[in-house]
Amino acid sequence: HAVSTDNGKTWEKKTEETIYPPDGYNTADYRDSQVFWCEEAGEYWMTVSGRCKTNGSENGVVILYTSDNLKDWTFKGNIFEPNHKYMLECSDIRKIGDKYYLFYSWDCITYYAMSDSVYGPYKDPADNVLSGNAFTFYAAKSAYLNGKCYLCGWLGRKIGKKDSKVYDWAGNMVIFEVKQKSDGTLALDAPSTYSDYFTKAFEFKPVGTKGDAAVNGNGITLSGKNGISYVDMGELPKTMILTCKFTVDSYFSQGGLCFGTNGVGENSYYIMLNAANNRVQYDAHKLSNISAAKDNSGSYVGFRYEPGKEYTLKVVVENEIIAFYINGEKTLVNRIYEAPGLDFGFFGAKSGVTFSDIEIKVTDAVTAKPGVPSSKRNVIITPGTTTKPETTPPETTVPPTEPVTSGTDSPATTEPSEKPSDSKPAVIAAVAAAAIAAIGGTVFALIRRKKKH
């Protein structure tokens, strides 16, 4: 490790203080240390991800070390050994309310376990996945800011910025607000500070419909019984928050929002609320292929639907990044590279879906106008209340809109890029920079803090 005495400006390596895997632990997988002050124990703790034999075979574990001076560390053994993962990367222990949570990552997913004591035992709840798989929210760490807990992970990029490709390593930082349910399990939601960022109303003004679709005030009903139905909302603002309520008619209902390429129609990409398999999913293919309805080059998160029950939905967009927040419980964030600058809308398939109380807010930087279709290309749609040509444009690849540079008024942190001077925004909270600083500054705060006696 390295030590800084000037708040991170310069660092000095302490090779003589290197800690090696104890006997019996895998020497190749021994990493991802995290240091923090454990108030309950009155000492510094360090968790390390490793592998050793548990329950007869080698599995991933979280190892605990303790120290009273941040120099000399005592091995204490395994604080978490679930016996079901090859590795438990990027462990993080956080107290929320009266319980303790241990976050860890593997299988391209961030998981969590919980305990009544900081010492454990930590156990996985029945549903311990709060956001998507496939490197869409990975290696998450927690932080407190202004009394609220946030979970900060990264959303991968796709090779060549192609929607058909799989997610690859690293990308943008994404931050969710963590909330504790009455039973002690956790939920993720959009940071409440979004209300301070998205302040400009964007009129609900559909430009057309197709199939069994009806617009009623600020609501939409899509039956989907006679094929996929759509409501086209016009050009997608480059950054926005859409809030609404929704219900599904049956356990077979499929519906959601669709984006890009040829606008709202069979050639749109979709993010689906899928009651048929209790998922929210992005399959990274077109609505014309919705019958496949499976995780492909996208991602999914589990969510159980009950017909007739009302749920909330928030959709946050920043350029190609689109985040779904479902009922203040689960999140799903993806990239749709062909979405920026083209039309978006709602769709329904199979049994019906109803969206109500739809409200859209944007920032002053948004140039798209409500009720105006994209000028990039025509949209396949049967005219509804507003006429719109139904033409089939040639299949060409539309380059994604270049993301705006993150500034002081952006809710996003910068994205790692090929050039050090580049900075690109991500869909995260308006508090993102401060939240990440809270994580990054943890070690400095610990070093400055006097040892407690």
Protein backbone atom coordinates (compact mmCIF):
# COMPACT_ATOMS: atom_id res chain seq x y z
CA HIS A 1 0.00 0.00 0.00
CA ALA A 2 0.94 3.69 -0.15
CA VAL A 3 0.52 6.51 2.35
CA SER A 4 -0.19 10.20 1.79
CA THR A 5 0.40 12.94 4.34
CA ASP A 6 -0.72 15.84 2.12
CA ASN A 7 -4.32 14.87 1.39
CA GLY A 8 -3.48 12.75 -1.64
CA LYS A 9 -1.14 15.05 -3.53
CA THR A 10 1.87 12.75 -3.13
CA TRP A 11 2.16 9.12 -2.07
CA GLU A 12 4.89 6.97 -0.57
CA LYS A 13 4.90 3.21 -1.09
CA LYS A 14 5.32 1.10 2.03
CA THR A 15 6.55 -2.12 0.51
CA GLU A 16 7.92 -3.29 3.85
CA GLU A 17 4.36 -3.34 5.19
CA THR A 18 3.02 -5.65 2.48
CA ILE A 19 0.50 -8.20 3.75
CA TYR A 20 0.60 -11.63 2.10
CA PRO A 21 -2.14 -14.30 2.05
CA PRO A 22 -2.13 -16.43 5.22
CA ASP A 23 -1.46 -20.14 4.93
CA GLY A 24 -4.34 -21.99 3.34
CA TYR A 25 -5.49 -19.06 1.21
CA ASN A 26 -5.24 -18.81 -2.56
CA THR A 27 -2.22 -16.69 -3.48
CA ALA A 28 -3.64 -15.53 -6.84
CA ASP A 29 -6.96 -14.16 -5.54
CA TYR A 30 -6.17 -11.90 -2.59
CA ARG A 31 -7.18 -8.28 -3.19
CA ASP A 32 -9.74 -5.47 -2.92
CA SER A 33 -8.87 -4.34 0.60
CA GLN A 34 -11.00 -1.73 2.34
CA VAL A 35 -9.94 0.10 5.51
CA PHE A 36 -12.37 1.81 7.89
CA TRP A 37 -12.70 2.76 11.55
CA CYS A 38 -14.97 0.28 13.34
CA GLU A 39 -16.68 2.27 16.09
CA GLU A 40 -18.11 -0.82 17.76
CA ALA A 41 -14.71 -2.49 18.05
CA GLY A 42 -12.74 0.69 18.77
CA GLU A 43 -10.13 -0.18 16.14
CA TYR A 44 -9.40 -0.04 12.45
CA TRP A 45 -10.74 -2.85 10.30
CA MET A 46 -9.54 -4.01 6.91
CA THR A 47 -11.56 -6.44 4.80
CA VAL A 48 -9.83 -8.35 2.00
CA SER A 49 -11.34 -10.53 -0.74
CA GLY A 50 -9.78 -13.98 -0.91
CA ARG A 51 -10.31 -17.67 -1.51
CA CYS A 52 -9.88 -20.67 0.75
CA LYS A 53 -11.47 -24.03 1.47
CA THR A 54 -14.89 -23.74 3.08
CA ASN A 55 -17.39 -26.55 3.36
CA GLY A 56 -15.04 -28.95 1.56
CA SER A 57 -14.17 -26.83 -1.50
CA GLU A 58 -12.39 -23.59 -2.33
CA ASN A 59 -14.75 -20.60 -2.34
CA GLY A 60 -14.66 -16.84 -2.15
CA VAL A 61 -14.49 -15.31 1.34
CA VAL A 62 -14.13 -11.91 2.99
CA ILE A 63 -11.14 -11.84 5.36
CA LEU A 64 -10.85 -9.54 8.37
CA TYR A 65 -7.74 -7.80 9.72
CA THR A 66 -7.63 -5.37 12.65
CA SER A 67 -5.19 -2.63 13.68
CA ASP A 68 -4.81 0.18 16.20
CA ASN A 69 -2.27 2.16 14.19
CA LEU A 70 -2.95 1.53 10.47
CA LYS A 71 0.49 -0.11 10.22
CA ASP A 72 0.44 -3.37 12.13
CA TRP A 73 -2.42 -5.66 11.14
CA THR A 74 -3.72 -8.79 12.88
CA PHE A 75 -5.38 -11.57 10.87
CA LYS A 76 -8.76 -12.48 12.40
CA GLY A 77 -10.09 -15.04 9.90
CA ASN A 78 -13.14 -14.98 7.68
CA ILE A 79 -15.94 -12.57 8.50
CA PHE A 80 -18.07 -13.83 5.59
CA GLU A 81 -18.00 -17.19 3.82
CA PRO A 82 -21.24 -17.91 1.94
CA ASN A 83 -19.87 -21.04 0.23
CA HIS A 84 -21.44 -20.24 -3.13
CA LYS A 85 -19.21 -17.82 -5.07
CA TYR A 86 -15.82 -18.23 -6.72
CA MET A 87 -14.82 -14.79 -5.44
CA LEU A 88 -16.33 -11.96 -3.37
CA GLU A 89 -14.88 -8.81 -4.90
CA CYS A 90 -14.92 -5.25 -3.54
CA SER A 91 -16.40 -5.97 -0.11
CA ASP A 92 -17.84 -3.08 1.88
CA ILE A 93 -19.43 -3.05 5.36
CA ARG A 94 -21.98 -0.37 6.22
CA LYS A 95 -24.35 0.22 9.12
CA ILE A 96 -27.82 1.40 8.09
CA GLY A 97 -30.39 1.85 10.81
CA ASP A 98 -29.85 -0.87 13.39
CA LYS A 99 -28.43 -3.46 10.99
CA TYR A 100 -25.13 -4.09 9.21
CA TYR A 101 -24.71 -4.82 5.52
CA LEU A 102 -21.84 -6.38 3.61
CA PHE A 103 -21.81 -5.56 -0.10
CA TYR A 104 -19.79 -7.72 -2.48
CA SER A 105 -19.57 -8.39 -6.22
CA TRP A 106 -19.22 -11.36 -8.54
CA ASP A 107 -20.93 -12.76 -11.67
CA CYS A 108 -21.07 -9.16 -13.03
CA ILE A 109 -23.52 -8.36 -10.17
CA THR A 110 -23.42 -6.43 -6.89
CA TYR A 111 -24.90 -8.47 -3.99
CA TYR A 112 -25.40 -7.83 -0.30
CA ALA A 113 -25.61 -9.80 2.95
CA MET A 114 -26.94 -8.56 6.29
CA SER A 115 -26.38 -9.05 10.02
CA ASP A 116 -27.59 -7.76 13.39
CA SER A 117 -23.95 -7.30 14.48
CA VAL A 118 -20.90 -5.81 12.82
CA TYR A 119 -19.08 -9.05 13.73
CA GLY A 120 -21.63 -11.17 11.82
CA PRO A 121 -22.76 -13.70 10.96
CA TYR A 122 -23.69 -12.12 7.63
CA LYS A 123 -26.39 -13.92 5.66
CA ASP A 124 -27.74 -13.36 2.15
CA PRO A 125 -31.43 -12.40 2.16
CA ALA A 126 -33.68 -14.30 -0.24
CA ASP A 127 -33.45 -11.48 -2.80
CA ASN A 128 -30.06 -9.82 -2.48
CA VAL A 129 -29.74 -8.32 -5.98
CA LEU A 130 -30.98 -4.71 -6.18
CA SER A 131 -29.83 -3.73 -9.66
CA GLY A 132 -28.97 -5.31 -12.99
CA ASN A 133 -26.51 -8.00 -13.97
CA ALA A 134 -24.03 -8.02 -16.86
CA PHE A 135 -21.68 -5.28 -15.58
CA THR A 136 -24.46 -2.67 -15.46
CA PHE A 137 -23.91 -1.97 -11.74
CA TYR A 138 -20.70 -3.53 -10.44
CA ALA A 139 -18.14 -3.22 -7.65
CA ALA A 140 -20.45 -0.98 -5.63
CA LYS A 141 -19.28 0.85 -2.53
CA SER A 142 -21.38 2.76 -0.02
CA ALA A 143 -21.11 6.31 1.31
CA TYR A 144 -23.09 8.66 3.52
CA LEU A 145 -23.80 12.25 2.53
CA ASN A 146 -26.09 14.63 4.41
CA GLY A 147 -27.58 11.78 6.39
CA LYS A 148 -28.41 9.62 3.39
CA CYS A 149 -26.72 6.43 2.25
CA TYR A 150 -25.68 5.97 -1.37
CA LEU A 151 -24.42 2.96 -3.28
CA CYS A 152 -21.85 3.78 -5.96
CA GLY A 153 -21.00 1.32 -8.73
CA TRP A 154 -20.03 1.38 -12.37
CA LEU A 155 -21.93 0.82 -15.61
CA GLY A 156 -19.87 -0.90 -18.29
CA ARG A 157 -19.40 0.20 -21.87
CA LYS A 158 -20.20 -1.87 -24.90
CA ILE A 159 -17.45 -2.73 -27.34
CA GLY A 160 -17.45 -0.30 -30.25
CA LYS A 161 -20.50 1.48 -28.80
CA LYS A 162 -22.69 -1.14 -30.49
CA ASP A 163 -26.04 -1.96 -28.88
CA SER A 164 -25.76 -5.56 -30.04
CA LYS A 165 -22.50 -6.11 -28.15
CA VAL A 166 -22.12 -7.29 -24.56
CA TYR A 167 -21.09 -4.99 -21.72
CA ASP A 168 -17.39 -4.76 -21.11
CA TRP A 169 -15.25 -3.77 -18.15
CA ALA A 170 -15.60 -0.30 -16.55
CA GLY A 171 -17.36 2.82 -17.80
CA ASN A 172 -19.41 5.41 -15.89
CA MET A 173 -20.03 5.78 -12.18
CA VAL A 174 -23.69 5.33 -11.21
CA ILE A 175 -25.07 6.28 -7.80
CA PHE A 176 -28.30 5.09 -6.19
CA GLU A 177 -29.89 6.08 -2.91
CA VAL A 178 -30.13 3.19 -0.44
CA LYS A 179 -33.26 2.77 1.65
CA GLN A 180 -34.00 0.29 4.38
CA LYS A 181 -37.33 -1.57 4.34
CA SER A 182 -39.32 -2.40 7.46
CA ASP A 183 -38.02 -5.99 7.41
CA GLY A 184 -34.41 -4.82 7.29
CA THR A 185 -33.80 -5.66 3.64
CA LEU A 186 -32.63 -2.93 1.29
CA ALA A 187 -34.07 -1.03 -1.64
CA LEU A 188 -32.54 1.29 -4.23
CA ASP A 189 -34.10 4.44 -5.60
CA ALA A 190 -33.19 7.56 -7.55
CA PRO A 191 -31.36 10.09 -5.38
CA SER A 192 -33.84 12.59 -3.97
CA THR A 193 -31.55 15.41 -5.13
CA TYR A 194 -32.75 14.85 -8.70
CA SER A 195 -35.61 17.20 -7.84
CA ASP A 196 -33.05 20.00 -7.49
CA TYR A 197 -31.57 19.27 -10.91
CA PHE A 198 -34.55 18.53 -13.15
CA THR A 199 -36.65 21.65 -12.64
CA LYS A 200 -38.05 22.52 -16.08
CA ALA A 201 -41.43 21.03 -16.99
CA PHE A 202 -41.58 19.19 -20.34
CA GLU A 203 -45.16 18.99 -21.58
CA PHE A 204 -46.75 15.55 -21.94
CA LYS A 205 -47.62 15.76 -25.62
CA PRO A 206 -47.69 12.49 -27.59
CA VAL A 207 -47.22 12.78 -31.35
CA GLY A 208 -49.02 9.60 -32.41
CA THR A 209 -50.22 6.11 -31.60
CA LYS A 210 -50.27 2.69 -33.17
CA GLY A 211 -52.39 -0.36 -32.39
CA ASP A 212 -54.62 -0.67 -29.32
CA ALA A 213 -53.29 2.44 -27.60
CA ALA A 214 -55.24 5.23 -25.93
CA VAL A 215 -54.09 8.53 -24.44
CA ASN A 216 -56.20 9.89 -21.59
CA GLY A 217 -54.97 13.14 -20.08
CA ASN A 218 -51.49 12.34 -18.73
CA GLY A 219 -52.12 8.62 -18.95
CA ILE A 220 -51.68 5.86 -21.52
CA THR A 221 -53.46 2.51 -21.88
CA LEU A 222 -51.89 -0.16 -24.10
CA SER A 223 -53.76 -3.44 -24.51
CA GLY A 224 -51.32 -5.36 -26.69
CA LYS A 225 -53.98 -8.00 -27.33
CA ASN A 226 -53.87 -7.53 -31.10
CA GLY A 227 -50.15 -7.11 -31.41
CA ILE A 228 -47.73 -4.56 -30.00
CA SER A 229 -49.21 -1.11 -29.46
CA TYR A 230 -47.31 2.16 -29.13
CA VAL A 231 -47.54 5.79 -28.11
CA ASP A 232 -44.84 8.00 -29.64
CA MET A 233 -43.65 10.85 -27.39
CA GLY A 234 -41.47 12.57 -29.97
CA GLU A 235 -37.76 13.30 -29.72
CA LEU A 236 -36.04 12.02 -26.59
CA PRO A 237 -34.59 14.88 -24.50
CA LYS A 238 -30.86 14.43 -24.01
CA THR A 239 -31.39 14.48 -20.25
CA MET A 240 -34.69 14.09 -18.40
CA ILE A 241 -36.59 12.44 -15.58
CA LEU A 242 -39.94 10.83 -16.34
CA THR A 243 -42.13 9.79 -13.41
CA CYS A 244 -45.39 7.85 -13.56
CA LYS A 245 -47.46 5.07 -12.05
CA PHE A 246 -48.25 1.82 -13.79
CA THR A 247 -50.36 -1.31 -13.45
CA VAL A 248 -50.32 -4.61 -15.32
CA ASP A 249 -53.56 -6.35 -16.29
CA SER A 250 -52.35 -9.91 -15.86
CA TYR A 251 -49.42 -12.13 -15.04
CA PHE A 252 -48.64 -12.19 -18.76
CA SER A 253 -48.43 -8.42 -19.30
CA GLN A 254 -45.42 -6.94 -21.06
CA GLY A 255 -44.88 -3.23 -21.59
CA GLY A 256 -42.50 -0.40 -20.99
CA LEU A 257 -40.59 2.27 -22.89
CA CYS A 258 -38.95 2.06 -26.29
CA PHE A 259 -36.16 4.10 -27.83
CA GLY A 260 -34.13 4.89 -30.89
CA THR A 261 -33.05 3.66 -34.27
CA ASN A 262 -36.34 4.03 -36.23
CA GLY A 263 -38.25 5.79 -33.50
CA VAL A 264 -41.28 4.21 -31.88
CA GLY A 265 -42.19 1.03 -33.72
CA GLU A 266 -41.05 -2.49 -34.45
CA ASN A 267 -37.45 -1.35 -34.88
CA SER A 268 -37.19 0.33 -31.49
CA TYR A 269 -35.08 -0.96 -28.66
CA TYR A 270 -37.11 -1.53 -25.51
CA ILE A 271 -36.83 -1.73 -21.74
CA MET A 272 -39.61 -3.99 -20.54
CA LEU A 273 -41.68 -4.41 -17.40
CA ASN A 274 -42.23 -8.11 -17.85
CA ALA A 275 -44.87 -9.68 -15.58
CA ALA A 276 -44.54 -12.93 -17.51
CA ASN A 277 -41.21 -13.69 -15.84
CA ASN A 278 -41.12 -11.12 -12.99
CA ARG A 279 -38.30 -9.07 -14.44
CA VAL A 280 -37.42 -5.63 -15.61
CA GLN A 281 -35.23 -6.27 -18.62
CA TYR A 282 -33.34 -4.79 -21.52
CA ASP A 283 -32.71 -7.44 -24.17
CA ALA A 284 -30.63 -5.28 -26.55
CA HIS A 285 -32.74 -6.23 -29.55
CA LYS A 286 -35.75 -4.77 -31.33
CA LEU A 287 -39.45 -4.97 -30.53
CA SER A 288 -39.93 -7.01 -33.69
CA ASN A 289 -38.06 -9.75 -31.82
CA ILE A 290 -39.80 -9.33 -28.48
CA SER A 291 -41.03 -12.92 -28.59
CA ALA A 292 -37.49 -13.93 -27.63
CA ALA A 293 -37.93 -11.83 -24.44
CA LYS A 294 -34.73 -12.94 -22.79
CA ASP A 295 -31.52 -11.48 -21.51
CA ASN A 296 -29.21 -11.21 -24.49
CA SER A 297 -26.68 -8.41 -24.73
CA GLY A 298 -28.49 -6.37 -22.10
CA SER A 299 -29.37 -6.97 -18.49
CA TYR A 300 -32.24 -7.59 -16.10
CA VAL A 301 -33.28 -7.39 -12.46
CA GLY A 302 -36.02 -9.34 -10.73
CA PHE A 303 -39.27 -7.67 -9.68
CA ARG A 304 -42.55 -9.36 -8.76
CA TYR A 305 -45.75 -7.91 -10.24
CA GLU A 306 -49.34 -8.30 -9.07
CA PRO A 307 -52.13 -7.59 -11.57
CA GLY A 308 -54.09 -4.46 -10.70
CA LYS A 309 -51.56 -3.25 -8.12
CA GLU A 310 -50.18 0.24 -8.69
CA TYR A 311 -46.43 0.75 -8.86
CA THR A 312 -44.22 3.79 -9.40
CA LEU A 313 -41.68 4.17 -12.18
CA LYS A 314 -38.94 6.75 -12.67
CA VAL A 315 -36.92 6.89 -15.88
CA VAL A 316 -33.77 9.02 -15.94
CA VAL A 317 -31.98 9.69 -19.23
CA GLU A 318 -28.60 11.20 -19.88
CA ASN A 319 -27.52 10.79 -23.48
CA GLU A 320 -27.31 7.04 -24.15
CA ILE A 321 -27.64 6.04 -20.47
CA ILE A 322 -31.17 5.14 -19.38
CA ALA A 323 -32.00 4.20 -15.78
CA PHE A 324 -35.25 2.64 -14.56
CA TYR A 325 -36.23 2.97 -10.88
CA ILE A 326 -39.05 0.56 -10.11
CA ASN A 327 -41.34 1.28 -7.15
CA GLY A 328 -38.47 2.70 -5.11
CA GLU A 329 -37.11 -0.85 -4.74
CA LYS A 330 -35.07 -2.00 -7.75
CA THR A 331 -33.03 -0.29 -10.43
CA LEU A 332 -31.94 -1.17 -13.95
CA VAL A 333 -29.54 1.03 -15.87
CA ASN A 334 -28.38 0.45 -19.44
CA ARG A 335 -26.85 2.10 -22.46
CA ILE A 336 -28.85 2.41 -25.68
CA TYR A 337 -26.40 4.03 -28.07
CA GLU A 338 -29.00 4.61 -30.77
CA ALA A 339 -31.43 6.42 -28.46
CA PRO A 340 -30.03 10.00 -28.37
CA GLY A 341 -31.73 12.41 -30.75
CA LEU A 342 -34.43 9.96 -31.86
CA ASP A 343 -37.99 9.30 -30.73
CA PHE A 344 -39.04 7.52 -27.55
CA GLY A 345 -42.38 6.28 -26.33
CA PHE A 346 -44.43 3.65 -24.52
CA PHE A 347 -45.36 0.18 -25.73
CA GLY A 348 -47.58 -2.71 -24.66
CA ALA A 349 -47.43 -6.36 -25.69
CA LYS A 350 -49.54 -9.41 -24.88
CA SER A 351 -51.86 -8.40 -22.03
CA GLY A 352 -52.44 -4.76 -21.08
CA VAL A 353 -50.35 -2.16 -19.27
CA THR A 354 -51.58 1.23 -18.04
CA PHE A 355 -49.36 4.24 -17.29
CA SER A 356 -50.83 7.16 -15.35
CA ASP A 357 -49.77 10.54 -13.91
CA ILE A 358 -46.95 10.80 -16.43
CA GLU A 359 -44.72 13.81 -15.78
CA ILE A 360 -41.48 14.79 -17.50
CA LYS A 361 -38.90 17.29 -16.33
CA VAL A 362 -35.69 18.39 -18.02
CA THR A 363 -32.94 20.99 -17.63
CA ASP A 364 -32.44 24.30 -19.40
CA ALA A 365 -29.82 22.63 -21.60
CA VAL A 366 -32.45 20.49 -23.35
CA THR A 367 -33.31 21.65 -26.89
CA ALA A 368 -35.91 19.02 -27.80
CA LYS A 369 -39.48 20.34 -27.90
CA PRO A 370 -42.54 18.51 -26.51
CA GLY A 371 -44.72 16.91 -29.16
CA VAL A 372 -42.11 17.21 -31.92
CA PRO A 373 -40.72 14.09 -33.58
CA SER A 374 -37.03 13.69 -34.26
CA SER A 375 -35.76 15.36 -37.42
CA LYS A 376 -33.07 12.72 -37.86
CA ARG A 377 -35.33 10.29 -39.69
CA ASN A 378 -38.96 9.37 -40.11
CA VAL A 379 -40.72 7.16 -37.61
CA ILE A 380 -42.71 4.03 -38.36
CA ILE A 381 -46.07 4.81 -36.81
CA THR A 382 -49.74 5.10 -37.68
CA PRO A 383 -50.80 8.72 -37.14
CA GLY A 384 -52.86 9.32 -34.05
CA THR A 385 -54.00 12.74 -32.94
CA THR A 386 -51.05 14.22 -34.80
CA THR A 387 -50.20 13.23 -38.35
CA LYS A 388 -46.86 11.72 -39.11
CA PRO A 389 -45.62 10.00 -42.28
CA GLU A 390 -45.44 6.23 -42.15
CA THR A 391 -42.32 5.51 -44.13
CA THR A 392 -39.62 2.94 -43.78
CA PRO A 393 -36.22 4.60 -43.82
CA PRO A 394 -33.11 2.79 -44.96
CA GLU A 395 -31.32 0.84 -42.28
CA THR A 396 -28.26 2.89 -41.47
CA THR A 397 -26.35 3.24 -38.28
CA VAL A 398 -26.92 6.52 -36.51
CA PRO A 399 -23.85 7.60 -34.56
CA PRO A 400 -24.62 8.27 -30.90
CA THR A 401 -24.86 11.88 -29.87
CA GLU A 402 -21.64 13.05 -28.28
CA PRO A 403 -22.25 13.40 -24.53
CA VAL A 404 -22.09 16.91 -23.12
CA THR A 405 -19.12 17.79 -20.98
CA SER A 406 -19.86 17.51 -17.30
CA GLY A 407 -19.95 20.90 -15.62
CA THR A 408 -20.83 22.29 -12.24
CA ASP A 409 -24.53 22.09 -13.05
CA SER A 410 -24.46 18.48 -14.21
CA PRO A 411 -25.66 15.58 -12.02
CA ALA A 412 -22.94 13.40 -13.43
CA THR A 413 -19.40 12.50 -12.67
CA THR A 414 -16.85 12.15 -15.42
CA GLU A 415 -16.34 8.96 -17.35
CA PRO A 416 -12.88 7.41 -17.76
CA SER A 417 -11.91 8.04 -21.36
CA GLU A 418 -9.19 7.33 -23.86
CA LYS A 419 -7.87 10.90 -23.53
CA PRO A 420 -7.20 12.35 -20.08
CA SER A 421 -8.77 15.65 -21.12
CA ASP A 422 -12.10 14.05 -22.06
CA SER A 423 -14.91 14.00 -19.53
CA LYS A 424 -18.32 12.48 -20.14
CA PRO A 425 -21.36 12.44 -17.86
CA ALA A 426 -23.21 9.48 -16.38
CA VAL A 427 -26.70 9.00 -15.04
CA ILE A 428 -26.20 9.46 -11.31
CA ALA A 429 -27.31 11.75 -8.54
CA ALA A 430 -26.72 15.46 -8.38
CA VAL A 431 -24.72 14.59 -5.30
CA ALA A 432 -22.43 12.25 -7.21
CA ALA A 433 -19.19 14.18 -6.95
CA ALA A 434 -19.59 14.70 -3.24
CA ALA A 435 -20.60 11.11 -2.66
CA ILE A 436 -17.59 9.77 -4.50
CA ALA A 437 -15.40 12.22 -2.64
CA ALA A 438 -16.81 10.80 0.57
CA ILE A 439 -15.59 7.36 -0.49
CA GLY A 440 -12.27 8.53 -1.84
CA GLY A 441 -11.57 10.57 1.26
CA THR A 442 -12.33 7.81 3.71
CA VAL A 443 -8.74 6.68 4.11
CA PHE A 444 -7.53 10.26 4.54
CA ALA A 445 -10.16 10.85 7.21
CA LEU A 446 -9.13 7.67 8.97
CA ILE A 447 -5.46 8.59 8.94
CA ARG A 448 -6.19 12.04 10.34
CA ARG A 449 -8.51 10.69 13.01
CA LYS A 450 -6.88 10.15 16.35
CA LYS A 451 -6.84 6.65 17.64
CA LYS A 452 -9.55 6.21 20.20
CA HIS A 453 -8.64 4.80 23.62
